[in-house]
Every structure is written in structure tokens, then in C-alpha cells.
């Protein structure tokens, strides 16, 4: 019975909580893909500041049905003078590969993005007890860990 109950909660959680959290992160200034690109750089990039374009593409295409050219377009838009969130440079280890790096403006935007996400999640968990929060965090961490092992 538990797998069915989990499945019945998955889509409301994914769409209501997940999409609302993405919207809070982006502040309406970025597309979903651009928001994910910044989060990838932050969470998986070198020093949370830079990431090879092909690694961004490899991660993002597992989550979205998006083409390589669409990813390039999303990155190029963020590299424009406005908003100026990233720079695109040649990878020193491969002339064919690019590295996407947060600019100082991008770092400030990302910090604000995280602040918006934290504020959004704080509202969601405010009615929960400390024990419920701890149990929820443990459950989500374990499911994420198990899911990563299934890939």
C-alpha cells in the first residue's frame, strides 16, 4: 500500500511544491531551465561558481526534454549584458568545450535566489513540528540517496 500512497502524493508534491519552489527561486526573472542551470553550477560546479557546458547539458537533459541548442540559448541569454549572470569561456583543457562561470552579479543573484527559496520553504514548514521536519528531511534524503543509486 505504501508505494501507491507515495505515488499518489508524488505529483501533487512535484507540481505544487516543486514548481512553486522553482518560481520562488527564479523570482520570475529566469526560465525553469535557467534556474536549474544556476542551481547546478551552485551545487555541482567547481567551487559552486563554474561548470563545463557539457556537464550542465548532461544533467539538465535528464530532467527536461530540451535540446542542446536550447540549453546553449538559455546560457547565452544569461550571459548577455542584461542580466549578466554568467560568462562563457573556452575550457583551458579543451578548445572545443566551454565553461560557464557565475559573474559577480550572478553570485549576488544566486544568493538572493537561495534566500527566496529558503523563505518559501520556511512558510511551507512553519506549521510542522521539529520532529516532523527532521523526519521529512531524513525521508527525502534517503529517497534521494536510493534514487541516485538506481541510476
Protein backbone atom coordinates (compact mmCIF):
# COMPACT_ATOMS: atom_id res chain seq x y z
CA UNK A 1 0.00 0.00 0.00
CA UNK A 2 2.84 2.43 0.80
CA UNK A 3 4.14 2.61 -2.81
CA UNK A 4 0.64 3.51 -4.06
CA UNK A 5 0.23 6.19 -1.38
CA UNK A 6 3.68 7.55 -2.22
CA UNK A 7 2.75 7.65 -5.91
CA UNK A 8 -0.50 9.47 -5.15
CA UNK A 9 1.48 12.13 -3.26
CA UNK A 10 4.25 12.41 -5.84
CA UNK A 11 2.52 14.51 -8.49
CA UNK A 12 0.87 17.00 -6.13
CA UNK A 13 4.22 17.36 -4.35
CA UNK A 14 6.18 17.62 -7.59
CA UNK A 15 3.89 20.14 -9.24
CA UNK A 16 2.60 22.18 -6.30
CA UNK A 17 5.67 22.21 -4.08
CA UNK A 18 8.36 21.73 -6.72
CA UNK A 19 7.10 24.24 -9.26
CA UNK A 20 6.23 26.79 -6.57
CA UNK A 21 9.74 26.44 -5.17
CA UNK A 22 11.26 26.88 -8.65
CA UNK A 23 9.12 30.00 -9.11
CA UNK A 24 10.32 31.37 -5.77
CA UNK A 25 13.93 30.65 -6.73
CA UNK A 26 13.69 32.37 -10.11
CA UNK A 27 11.76 35.40 -8.83
CA UNK A 28 10.07 35.43 -12.23
CA UNK A 29 13.33 36.64 -13.79
CA UNK A 30 14.52 33.33 -15.26
CA UNK A 31 13.09 30.35 -17.11
CA UNK A 32 12.87 26.99 -15.35
CA UNK A 33 15.90 25.77 -17.30
CA UNK A 34 17.94 28.87 -16.41
CA UNK A 35 17.02 28.46 -12.75
CA UNK A 36 18.17 24.83 -12.87
CA UNK A 37 21.40 25.82 -14.65
CA UNK A 38 22.27 28.27 -11.88
CA UNK A 39 21.40 25.67 -9.24
CA UNK A 40 23.57 23.06 -10.99
CA UNK A 41 26.52 25.45 -11.05
CA UNK A 42 25.97 26.21 -7.37
CA UNK A 43 25.51 22.62 -6.22
CA UNK A 44 27.74 20.62 -8.60
CA UNK A 45 30.12 23.15 -10.11
CA UNK A 46 33.74 23.84 -9.26
CA UNK A 47 33.69 25.89 -6.04
CA UNK A 48 29.97 26.47 -6.72
CA UNK A 49 31.00 29.01 -9.37
CA UNK A 50 31.71 27.29 -12.69
CA UNK A 51 30.79 24.20 -14.65
CA UNK A 52 31.56 22.81 -18.06
CA UNK A 53 28.73 23.37 -20.50
CA UNK A 54 28.62 19.70 -21.47
CA UNK A 55 28.19 18.72 -17.79
CA UNK A 56 25.31 21.19 -17.49
CA UNK A 57 23.76 19.65 -20.58
CA UNK A 58 24.23 16.08 -19.30
CA UNK A 59 22.44 16.92 -16.05
CA UNK A 60 19.67 19.08 -17.40
CA UNK A 61 18.67 16.70 -20.20
CA UNK A 62 17.94 14.02 -17.60
CA UNK A 63 15.29 16.33 -16.09
CA UNK A 64 13.90 18.20 -19.08
CA UNK A 65 13.07 17.27 -22.65
CA UNK A 66 15.30 20.00 -24.02
CA UNK A 67 17.75 20.17 -26.90
CA UNK A 68 21.43 21.06 -26.75
CA UNK A 69 20.73 24.25 -28.70
CA UNK A 70 18.01 25.26 -26.22
CA UNK A 71 20.48 24.86 -23.37
CA UNK A 72 23.05 26.95 -25.25
CA UNK A 73 20.41 29.61 -25.87
CA UNK A 74 19.41 29.70 -22.19
CA UNK A 75 23.06 30.09 -21.16
CA UNK A 76 23.74 32.76 -23.81
CA UNK A 77 20.71 34.74 -22.61
CA UNK A 78 22.09 34.74 -19.06
CA UNK A 79 25.48 35.86 -20.43
CA UNK A 80 24.02 38.93 -22.17
CA UNK A 81 24.96 42.27 -20.58
CA UNK A 82 21.50 42.26 -19.04
CA UNK A 83 21.12 40.12 -16.89
CA UNK A 84 24.89 39.37 -16.98
CA UNK A 85 24.68 36.40 -14.64
CA UNK A 86 27.30 34.16 -16.28
CA UNK A 87 30.28 34.31 -18.58
CA UNK A 88 31.05 31.72 -21.23
CA UNK A 89 34.72 30.98 -21.72
CA UNK A 90 36.85 28.41 -23.51
CA UNK A 91 37.75 25.42 -21.36
CA UNK A 92 41.54 25.54 -20.83
CA UNK A 93 41.68 21.74 -21.16
CA UNK A 94 39.69 21.57 -24.42
CA UNK A 95 39.39 24.21 -27.13
CA UNK A 96 36.05 22.72 -28.19
CA UNK A 97 34.44 22.89 -24.76
CA UNK A 98 33.05 25.90 -22.90
CA UNK A 99 32.99 26.71 -19.20
CA UNK A 100 30.07 28.63 -17.73
CA UNK A 101 31.07 30.79 -14.75
CA UNK A 102 28.99 32.95 -12.45
CA UNK A 103 29.78 36.63 -12.68
CA UNK A 104 29.77 38.75 -9.50
CA UNK A 105 26.23 39.78 -10.49
CA UNK A 106 25.38 36.09 -10.94
CA UNK A 107 26.75 35.29 -7.49
CA UNK A 108 24.57 38.03 -5.96
CA UNK A 109 21.54 36.80 -7.93
CA UNK A 110 22.18 33.23 -6.77
CA UNK A 111 22.46 34.35 -3.14
CA UNK A 112 19.13 36.18 -3.49
CA UNK A 113 17.68 33.14 -5.27
CA UNK A 114 18.67 30.91 -2.34
CA UNK A 115 17.23 33.45 0.10
CA UNK A 116 13.93 33.40 -1.80
CA UNK A 117 13.90 29.61 -1.76
CA UNK A 118 14.65 29.46 1.95
CA UNK A 119 11.86 31.96 2.69
CA UNK A 120 9.44 29.94 0.55
CA UNK A 121 10.32 26.66 2.27
CA UNK A 122 10.15 28.34 5.70
CA UNK A 123 6.50 29.22 5.01
CA UNK A 124 5.77 25.64 3.97
CA UNK A 125 7.31 24.04 7.04
CA UNK A 126 6.21 26.64 9.62
CA UNK A 127 3.19 24.56 10.73
CA UNK A 128 5.34 21.44 11.21
CA UNK A 129 6.94 20.33 14.48
CA UNK A 130 10.71 19.97 14.76
CA UNK A 131 10.23 16.20 14.78
CA UNK A 132 8.11 16.29 11.58
CA UNK A 133 10.75 18.45 9.90
CA UNK A 134 13.55 16.07 10.94
CA UNK A 135 11.57 13.04 9.75
CA UNK A 136 10.75 14.75 6.45
CA UNK A 137 14.37 15.71 5.85
CA UNK A 138 15.54 12.19 6.68
CA UNK A 139 12.94 10.65 4.36
CA UNK A 140 13.75 12.95 1.43
CA UNK A 141 17.50 12.46 1.91
CA UNK A 142 17.18 8.68 1.98
CA UNK A 143 14.87 8.53 -1.06
CA UNK A 144 17.26 10.83 -2.95
CA UNK A 145 20.22 8.66 -1.95
CA UNK A 146 18.44 5.46 -3.02
CA UNK A 147 17.29 7.05 -6.27
CA UNK A 148 20.86 8.11 -7.11
CA UNK A 149 21.97 4.53 -6.62
CA UNK A 150 19.38 3.28 -9.12
CA UNK A 151 20.75 5.41 -11.99
